[in-house]
Amino acid sequence: MQLLKLGRRLGLTLLLVGLSLGGVARSVSARAVQTDLTIEAETSPSFADLMQQAERLAEKLVSQAFEQAGVTEVLIRISGDRAGELVPLLTVKVTRSDWQKNPILRSHARYYSISARLLKFEAQVAQTATTPVSRLPRRSEDDPAFRDD
């Protein structure tokens, strides 16, 4: 009799575990998609062009991900590569409901302000800014060592 009661309890326990696992299996079908991509920085003539390319790519990937049934969240990281150095350009993290409410990428993207400098796009700008313009002749009165005795 004890063995029969134990068998019933074990059967009931397995049934409850099976039902709870079935519930878990249904909630697991909702999933997040994560993608990491790298764009060659050398192929872009400017940082603005590189960022436009990254934004177009990210928007396409987000849209494609949400076309799949069961995808509830998308995380995309796009980096720039110059001579083997990887630098983050943008990160997009958005849920399906947020994307449906506002499908504008910039609303969901995080941009990294240091990226242009790390990818050496800013070096071109800084170099032209520090190039000396023709010097005006200095007046001797402006020289701190000038003495008018």
N, C-alpha and C. Protein backbone atom coordinates (compact mmCIF):
# COMPACT_ATOMS: atom_id res chain seq x y z
N MET A 1 0.81 -1.18 0.00
CA MET A 1 0.00 0.00 0.00
C MET A 1 0.87 1.26 0.00
N GLN A 2 1.92 1.24 0.82
CA GLN A 2 2.85 2.36 0.87
C GLN A 2 3.48 2.58 -0.51
N LEU A 3 3.81 1.50 -1.17
CA LEU A 3 4.43 1.58 -2.49
C LEU A 3 3.46 2.20 -3.50
N LEU A 4 2.20 1.88 -3.39
CA LEU A 4 1.18 2.45 -4.28
C LEU A 4 1.03 3.94 -4.03
N LYS A 5 1.01 4.37 -2.76
CA LYS A 5 0.92 5.80 -2.44
C LYS A 5 2.15 6.54 -2.95
N LEU A 6 3.33 5.96 -2.78
CA LEU A 6 4.56 6.57 -3.26
C LEU A 6 4.53 6.70 -4.78
N GLY A 7 4.03 5.68 -5.45
CA GLY A 7 3.92 5.72 -6.91
C GLY A 7 2.97 6.83 -7.37
N ARG A 8 1.85 7.00 -6.67
CA ARG A 8 0.90 8.06 -7.02
C ARG A 8 1.52 9.44 -6.81
N ARG A 9 2.21 9.58 -5.68
CA ARG A 9 2.86 10.87 -5.40
C ARG A 9 3.93 11.18 -6.46
N LEU A 10 4.70 10.18 -6.80
CA LEU A 10 5.74 10.35 -7.81
C LEU A 10 5.11 10.70 -9.15
N GLY A 11 4.03 10.02 -9.50
CA GLY A 11 3.33 10.31 -10.75
C GLY A 11 2.76 11.72 -10.75
N LEU A 12 2.17 12.13 -9.63
CA LEU A 12 1.63 13.48 -9.53
C LEU A 12 2.74 14.51 -9.60
N THR A 13 3.87 14.23 -8.96
CA THR A 13 5.01 15.14 -9.01
C THR A 13 5.52 15.26 -10.44
N LEU A 14 5.67 14.15 -11.15
CA LEU A 14 6.13 14.21 -12.54
C LEU A 14 5.15 14.96 -13.42
N LEU A 15 3.85 14.78 -13.16
CA LEU A 15 2.84 15.49 -13.92
C LEU A 15 2.96 16.99 -13.69
N LEU A 16 3.13 17.40 -12.43
CA LEU A 16 3.28 18.83 -12.12
C LEU A 16 4.55 19.40 -12.73
N VAL A 17 5.64 18.64 -12.66
CA VAL A 17 6.90 19.09 -13.26
C VAL A 17 6.72 19.22 -14.77
N GLY A 18 6.06 18.26 -15.39
CA GLY A 18 5.82 18.31 -16.83
C GLY A 18 4.99 19.51 -17.22
N LEU A 19 3.96 19.82 -16.43
CA LEU A 19 3.13 20.99 -16.72
C LEU A 19 3.92 22.28 -16.56
N SER A 20 4.74 22.35 -15.52
CA SER A 20 5.52 23.57 -15.33
C SER A 20 6.59 23.72 -16.41
N LEU A 21 7.17 22.63 -16.85
CA LEU A 21 8.14 22.71 -17.94
C LEU A 21 7.47 23.13 -19.24
N GLY A 22 6.26 22.67 -19.45
CA GLY A 22 5.52 23.10 -20.63
C GLY A 22 5.30 24.60 -20.62
N GLY A 23 5.01 25.16 -19.46
CA GLY A 23 4.85 26.60 -19.33
C GLY A 23 6.15 27.33 -19.60
N VAL A 24 7.25 26.75 -19.14
CA VAL A 24 8.55 27.35 -19.39
C VAL A 24 8.87 27.31 -20.87
N ALA A 25 8.57 26.21 -21.52
CA ALA A 25 8.87 26.08 -22.94
C ALA A 25 8.15 27.14 -23.76
N ARG A 26 6.93 27.46 -23.38
CA ARG A 26 6.21 28.50 -24.11
C ARG A 26 6.85 29.86 -23.90
N SER A 27 7.31 30.17 -22.70
CA SER A 27 7.92 31.48 -22.47
C SER A 27 9.32 31.57 -23.07
N VAL A 28 9.98 30.45 -23.29
CA VAL A 28 11.31 30.46 -23.89
C VAL A 28 11.23 30.80 -25.37
N SER A 29 10.07 30.59 -26.01
CA SER A 29 9.94 30.89 -27.43
C SER A 29 10.13 32.39 -27.70
N ALA A 30 9.87 33.25 -26.72
CA ALA A 30 10.19 34.66 -26.84
C ALA A 30 11.69 34.80 -26.62
N ARG A 31 12.36 35.41 -27.59
CA ARG A 31 13.82 35.44 -27.47
C ARG A 31 14.40 36.78 -27.91
N ALA A 32 15.62 37.00 -27.49
CA ALA A 32 16.36 38.19 -27.87
C ALA A 32 17.38 37.81 -28.94
N VAL A 33 17.64 38.74 -29.84
CA VAL A 33 18.62 38.54 -30.90
C VAL A 33 19.77 39.50 -30.64
N GLN A 34 20.99 39.00 -30.69
CA GLN A 34 22.17 39.83 -30.49
C GLN A 34 23.09 39.67 -31.69
N THR A 35 23.56 40.80 -32.22
CA THR A 35 24.45 40.79 -33.38
C THR A 35 25.59 41.76 -33.17
N ASP A 36 26.79 41.33 -33.45
CA ASP A 36 27.98 42.19 -33.40
C ASP A 36 28.58 42.22 -34.80
N LEU A 37 28.75 43.43 -35.35
CA LEU A 37 29.29 43.59 -36.69
C LEU A 37 30.43 44.59 -36.69
N THR A 38 31.30 44.45 -37.69
CA THR A 38 32.42 45.36 -37.84
C THR A 38 32.43 45.90 -39.27
N ILE A 39 32.66 47.20 -39.39
CA ILE A 39 32.75 47.87 -40.69
C ILE A 39 34.18 48.38 -40.86
N GLU A 40 34.73 48.20 -42.04
CA GLU A 40 36.08 48.70 -42.33
C GLU A 40 36.04 50.22 -42.45
N ALA A 41 36.80 50.91 -41.63
CA ALA A 41 36.81 52.38 -41.63
C ALA A 41 37.59 52.93 -42.82
N GLU A 42 38.56 52.18 -43.31
CA GLU A 42 39.40 52.67 -44.41
C GLU A 42 38.59 52.89 -45.68
N THR A 43 37.47 52.20 -45.84
CA THR A 43 36.69 52.31 -47.07
C THR A 43 35.79 53.55 -47.08
N SER A 44 35.66 54.22 -45.95
CA SER A 44 34.82 55.42 -45.88
C SER A 44 35.68 56.67 -45.99
N PRO A 45 35.27 57.60 -46.85
CA PRO A 45 36.06 58.83 -47.00
C PRO A 45 35.96 59.77 -45.80
N SER A 46 34.88 59.63 -45.00
CA SER A 46 34.72 60.49 -43.83
C SER A 46 34.01 59.71 -42.72
N PHE A 47 34.09 60.26 -41.52
CA PHE A 47 33.43 59.64 -40.39
C PHE A 47 31.91 59.70 -40.56
N ALA A 48 31.40 60.78 -41.12
CA ALA A 48 29.96 60.90 -41.35
C ALA A 48 29.47 59.79 -42.29
N ASP A 49 30.22 59.50 -43.33
CA ASP A 49 29.86 58.41 -44.25
C ASP A 49 29.87 57.07 -43.54
N LEU A 50 30.87 56.86 -42.69
CA LEU A 50 30.97 55.61 -41.93
C LEU A 50 29.75 55.44 -41.00
N MET A 51 29.35 56.52 -40.33
CA MET A 51 28.21 56.46 -39.43
C MET A 51 26.90 56.24 -40.18
N GLN A 52 26.75 56.84 -41.34
CA GLN A 52 25.55 56.60 -42.15
C GLN A 52 25.46 55.14 -42.56
N GLN A 53 26.59 54.57 -42.92
CA GLN A 53 26.63 53.15 -43.29
C GLN A 53 26.24 52.29 -42.09
N ALA A 54 26.76 52.61 -40.92
CA ALA A 54 26.45 51.85 -39.70
C ALA A 54 24.97 51.97 -39.34
N GLU A 55 24.41 53.16 -39.47
CA GLU A 55 22.99 53.36 -39.15
C GLU A 55 22.09 52.60 -40.12
N ARG A 56 22.39 52.65 -41.41
CA ARG A 56 21.58 51.91 -42.40
C ARG A 56 21.63 50.41 -42.11
N LEU A 57 22.81 49.91 -41.80
CA LEU A 57 22.98 48.50 -41.50
C LEU A 57 22.21 48.11 -40.24
N ALA A 58 22.31 48.91 -39.20
CA ALA A 58 21.61 48.62 -37.93
C ALA A 58 20.10 48.64 -38.13
N GLU A 59 19.59 49.61 -38.86
CA GLU A 59 18.15 49.70 -39.09
C GLU A 59 17.64 48.48 -39.87
N LYS A 60 18.40 48.06 -40.85
CA LYS A 60 18.03 46.87 -41.63
C LYS A 60 18.01 45.63 -40.75
N LEU A 61 19.02 45.48 -39.90
CA LEU A 61 19.10 44.31 -39.02
C LEU A 61 17.96 44.28 -37.99
N VAL A 62 17.61 45.44 -37.44
CA VAL A 62 16.51 45.49 -36.47
C VAL A 62 15.21 45.09 -37.15
N SER A 63 14.95 45.65 -38.31
CA SER A 63 13.72 45.33 -39.04
C SER A 63 13.65 43.85 -39.38
N GLN A 64 14.76 43.29 -39.86
CA GLN A 64 14.78 41.87 -40.21
C GLN A 64 14.57 40.99 -38.99
N ALA A 65 15.14 41.37 -37.87
CA ALA A 65 15.00 40.56 -36.65
C ALA A 65 13.55 40.52 -36.20
N PHE A 66 12.87 41.66 -36.25
CA PHE A 66 11.48 41.69 -35.79
C PHE A 66 10.50 41.08 -36.79
N GLU A 67 10.96 40.77 -37.99
CA GLU A 67 10.13 40.03 -38.94
C GLU A 67 10.00 38.57 -38.52
N GLN A 68 10.93 38.10 -37.68
CA GLN A 68 10.90 36.72 -37.19
C GLN A 68 9.92 36.64 -36.01
N ALA A 69 9.09 35.62 -36.03
CA ALA A 69 8.16 35.41 -34.93
C ALA A 69 8.94 35.04 -33.67
N GLY A 70 8.51 35.55 -32.55
CA GLY A 70 9.11 35.20 -31.27
C GLY A 70 10.23 36.11 -30.83
N VAL A 71 10.75 36.97 -31.69
CA VAL A 71 11.82 37.88 -31.28
C VAL A 71 11.19 39.05 -30.53
N THR A 72 11.62 39.24 -29.29
CA THR A 72 11.05 40.30 -28.46
C THR A 72 12.02 41.45 -28.22
N GLU A 73 13.31 41.20 -28.42
CA GLU A 73 14.31 42.24 -28.18
C GLU A 73 15.49 42.05 -29.13
N VAL A 74 16.08 43.18 -29.55
CA VAL A 74 17.23 43.14 -30.45
C VAL A 74 18.34 43.98 -29.84
N LEU A 75 19.55 43.44 -29.87
CA LEU A 75 20.75 44.16 -29.45
C LEU A 75 21.75 44.07 -30.59
N ILE A 76 22.15 45.22 -31.11
CA ILE A 76 23.11 45.26 -32.21
C ILE A 76 24.25 46.19 -31.82
N ARG A 77 25.46 45.69 -31.98
CA ARG A 77 26.67 46.49 -31.73
C ARG A 77 27.45 46.55 -33.04
N ILE A 78 27.73 47.76 -33.49
CA ILE A 78 28.51 47.94 -34.72
C ILE A 78 29.78 48.69 -34.36
N SER A 79 30.89 48.12 -34.81
CA SER A 79 32.21 48.72 -34.55
C SER A 79 32.87 49.08 -35.87
N GLY A 80 33.82 50.00 -35.78
CA GLY A 80 34.65 50.36 -36.93
C GLY A 80 36.02 49.74 -36.74
N ASP A 81 36.63 49.35 -37.83
CA ASP A 81 37.95 48.72 -37.79
C ASP A 81 38.92 49.52 -38.66
N ARG A 82 39.99 49.98 -38.06
CA ARG A 82 41.06 50.64 -38.81
C ARG A 82 42.37 49.98 -38.38
N ALA A 83 42.97 49.29 -39.32
CA ALA A 83 44.26 48.63 -39.10
C ALA A 83 44.21 47.68 -37.90
N GLY A 84 43.11 46.96 -37.76
CA GLY A 84 42.99 45.98 -36.70
C GLY A 84 42.51 46.53 -35.37
N GLU A 85 42.33 47.83 -35.26
CA GLU A 85 41.82 48.42 -34.03
C GLU A 85 40.31 48.56 -34.13
N LEU A 86 39.59 47.91 -33.23
CA LEU A 86 38.13 47.96 -33.22
C LEU A 86 37.65 49.06 -32.29
N VAL A 87 36.74 49.88 -32.80
CA VAL A 87 36.21 51.01 -32.04
C VAL A 87 34.68 50.97 -32.15
N PRO A 88 33.96 51.04 -31.03
CA PRO A 88 32.50 51.01 -31.11
C PRO A 88 31.97 52.27 -31.80
N LEU A 89 31.04 52.06 -32.73
CA LEU A 89 30.39 53.18 -33.42
C LEU A 89 29.01 53.45 -32.84
N LEU A 90 28.21 52.39 -32.72
CA LEU A 90 26.88 52.55 -32.15
C LEU A 90 26.37 51.23 -31.61
N THR A 91 25.45 51.33 -30.66
CA THR A 91 24.78 50.18 -30.07
C THR A 91 23.29 50.47 -30.09
N VAL A 92 22.52 49.49 -30.53
CA VAL A 92 21.06 49.61 -30.54
C VAL A 92 20.49 48.49 -29.70
N LYS A 93 19.67 48.87 -28.72
CA LYS A 93 18.96 47.88 -27.91
C LYS A 93 17.51 48.33 -27.86
N VAL A 94 16.62 47.49 -28.42
CA VAL A 94 15.22 47.89 -28.52
C VAL A 94 14.31 46.67 -28.42
N THR A 95 13.18 46.85 -27.78
CA THR A 95 12.18 45.79 -27.72
C THR A 95 11.23 45.93 -28.91
N ARG A 96 10.53 44.85 -29.20
CA ARG A 96 9.58 44.87 -30.32
C ARG A 96 8.53 45.97 -30.12
N SER A 97 7.98 46.05 -28.91
CA SER A 97 6.92 47.05 -28.66
C SER A 97 7.45 48.47 -28.81
N ASP A 98 8.68 48.74 -28.35
CA ASP A 98 9.26 50.08 -28.50
C ASP A 98 9.52 50.40 -29.97
N TRP A 99 9.95 49.41 -30.74
CA TRP A 99 10.23 49.62 -32.17
C TRP A 99 8.91 49.89 -32.92
N GLN A 100 7.85 49.20 -32.52
CA GLN A 100 6.56 49.42 -33.16
C GLN A 100 6.03 50.82 -32.85
N LYS A 101 6.27 51.29 -31.64
CA LYS A 101 5.83 52.64 -31.26
C LYS A 101 6.65 53.71 -31.96
N ASN A 102 7.96 53.48 -32.09
CA ASN A 102 8.86 54.49 -32.64
C ASN A 102 9.98 53.80 -33.44
N PRO A 103 9.78 53.60 -34.75
CA PRO A 103 10.78 52.88 -35.54
C PRO A 103 11.91 53.77 -36.08
N ILE A 104 12.29 54.77 -35.32
CA ILE A 104 13.40 55.65 -35.71
C ILE A 104 14.64 55.18 -34.95
N LEU A 105 15.64 54.77 -35.70
CA LEU A 105 16.84 54.16 -35.10
C LEU A 105 17.50 55.06 -34.07
N ARG A 106 17.65 56.33 -34.38
CA ARG A 106 18.37 57.24 -33.47
C ARG A 106 17.73 57.33 -32.09
N SER A 107 16.45 57.03 -32.01
CA SER A 107 15.76 57.05 -30.71
C SER A 107 16.21 55.91 -29.81
N HIS A 108 16.73 54.86 -30.41
CA HIS A 108 17.10 53.66 -29.65
C HIS A 108 18.61 53.40 -29.66
N ALA A 109 19.36 54.23 -30.34
CA ALA A 109 20.80 53.99 -30.52
C ALA A 109 21.62 54.78 -29.51
N ARG A 110 22.75 54.21 -29.18
CA ARG A 110 23.74 54.89 -28.35
C ARG A 110 24.95 55.13 -29.23
N TYR A 111 25.41 56.37 -29.28
CA TYR A 111 26.55 56.74 -30.10
C TYR A 111 27.74 57.03 -29.20
N TYR A 112 28.92 56.83 -29.72
CA TYR A 112 30.15 57.02 -28.95
C TYR A 112 30.93 58.19 -29.53
N SER A 113 31.01 59.26 -28.78
CA SER A 113 31.59 60.51 -29.28
C SER A 113 33.09 60.42 -29.56
N ILE A 114 33.77 59.52 -28.95
CA ILE A 114 35.22 59.40 -29.12
C ILE A 114 35.61 58.58 -30.36
N SER A 115 34.64 57.95 -30.99
CA SER A 115 34.92 57.03 -32.09
C SER A 115 35.70 57.67 -33.23
N ALA A 116 35.31 58.87 -33.63
CA ALA A 116 35.98 59.53 -34.76
C ALA A 116 37.47 59.72 -34.47
N ARG A 117 37.77 60.14 -33.27
CA ARG A 117 39.18 60.37 -32.90
C ARG A 117 39.95 59.05 -32.86
N LEU A 118 39.34 58.01 -32.27
CA LEU A 118 40.03 56.72 -32.16
C LEU A 118 40.25 56.07 -33.53
N LEU A 119 39.35 56.35 -34.46
CA LEU A 119 39.51 55.80 -35.81
C LEU A 119 40.34 56.73 -36.70
N LYS A 120 40.89 57.77 -36.09
CA LYS A 120 41.81 58.70 -36.74
C LYS A 120 41.17 59.54 -37.84
N PHE A 121 39.85 59.74 -37.75
CA PHE A 121 39.21 60.68 -38.67
C PHE A 121 39.44 62.10 -38.19
N GLU A 122 39.51 62.30 -36.88
CA GLU A 122 39.72 63.63 -36.31
C GLU A 122 41.14 64.12 -36.54
N ALA A 123 42.07 63.22 -36.73
CA ALA A 123 43.47 63.63 -36.95
C ALA A 123 43.59 64.49 -38.20
N GLN A 124 42.80 64.17 -39.24
CA GLN A 124 42.84 64.95 -40.47
C GLN A 124 42.36 66.38 -40.19
N VAL A 125 41.29 66.52 -39.41
CA VAL A 125 40.75 67.83 -39.09
C VAL A 125 41.72 68.59 -38.20
N ALA A 126 42.26 67.94 -37.19
CA ALA A 126 43.18 68.60 -36.26
C ALA A 126 44.45 69.03 -36.98
N GLN A 127 44.92 68.22 -37.92
CA GLN A 127 46.14 68.54 -38.63
C GLN A 127 45.96 69.81 -39.46
N THR A 128 44.85 69.95 -40.15
CA THR A 128 44.63 71.16 -40.95
C THR A 128 44.40 72.37 -40.05
N ALA A 129 43.84 72.16 -38.88
CA ALA A 129 43.60 73.28 -37.97
C ALA A 129 44.88 73.80 -37.34
N THR A 130 45.89 72.95 -37.18
CA THR A 130 47.13 73.39 -36.54
C THR A 130 48.19 73.82 -37.54
N THR A 131 47.91 73.72 -38.84
CA THR A 131 48.88 74.17 -39.83
C THR A 131 48.98 75.68 -39.73
N PRO A 132 50.19 76.20 -39.56
CA PRO A 132 50.31 77.65 -39.36
C PRO A 132 49.96 78.43 -40.63
N VAL A 133 49.29 79.51 -40.44
CA VAL A 133 48.99 80.43 -41.52
C VAL A 133 50.21 81.33 -41.66
N SER A 134 50.36 81.98 -42.80
CA SER A 134 51.56 82.81 -42.98
C SER A 134 51.70 83.76 -41.80
N ARG A 135 52.89 83.81 -41.30
CA ARG A 135 53.14 84.62 -40.10
C ARG A 135 53.35 86.07 -40.48
N LEU A 136 52.78 86.90 -39.66
CA LEU A 136 53.03 88.33 -39.82
C LEU A 136 54.36 88.65 -39.16
N PRO A 137 55.06 89.57 -39.73
CA PRO A 137 56.34 89.93 -39.09
C PRO A 137 56.08 90.51 -37.70
N ARG A 138 56.90 90.10 -36.78
CA ARG A 138 56.74 90.59 -35.41
C ARG A 138 57.39 91.96 -35.29
N ARG A 139 56.73 92.80 -34.57
CA ARG A 139 57.31 94.11 -34.29
C ARG A 139 58.22 93.97 -33.08
N SER A 140 59.25 94.66 -33.07
CA SER A 140 60.20 94.55 -31.97
C SER A 140 59.58 95.02 -30.66
N GLU A 141 58.58 95.90 -30.72
CA GLU A 141 57.93 96.39 -29.51
C GLU A 141 57.12 95.28 -28.83
N ASP A 142 56.71 94.26 -29.61
CA ASP A 142 55.93 93.18 -29.04
C ASP A 142 56.80 92.13 -28.38
N ASP A 143 58.09 92.19 -28.60
CA ASP A 143 59.00 91.22 -28.02
C ASP A 143 59.22 91.58 -26.55
N PRO A 144 59.03 90.61 -25.63
CA PRO A 144 59.22 90.91 -24.20
C PRO A 144 60.65 91.35 -23.88
N ALA A 145 61.60 91.01 -24.70
CA ALA A 145 62.98 91.41 -24.43
C ALA A 145 63.31 92.79 -24.99
N PHE A 146 62.34 93.40 -25.66
CA PHE A 146 62.58 94.71 -26.25
C PHE A 146 62.74 95.77 -25.16
N ARG A 147 63.78 96.58 -25.34
CA ARG A 147 64.03 97.67 -24.40
C ARG A 147 64.08 98.96 -25.18
N ASP A 148 63.39 99.91 -24.74
CA ASP A 148 63.38 101.21 -25.39
C ASP A 148 64.12 102.21 -24.49
N ASP A 149 65.41 102.07 -24.44
CA ASP A 149 66.21 102.94 -23.56
C ASP A 149 66.73 104.12 -24.27
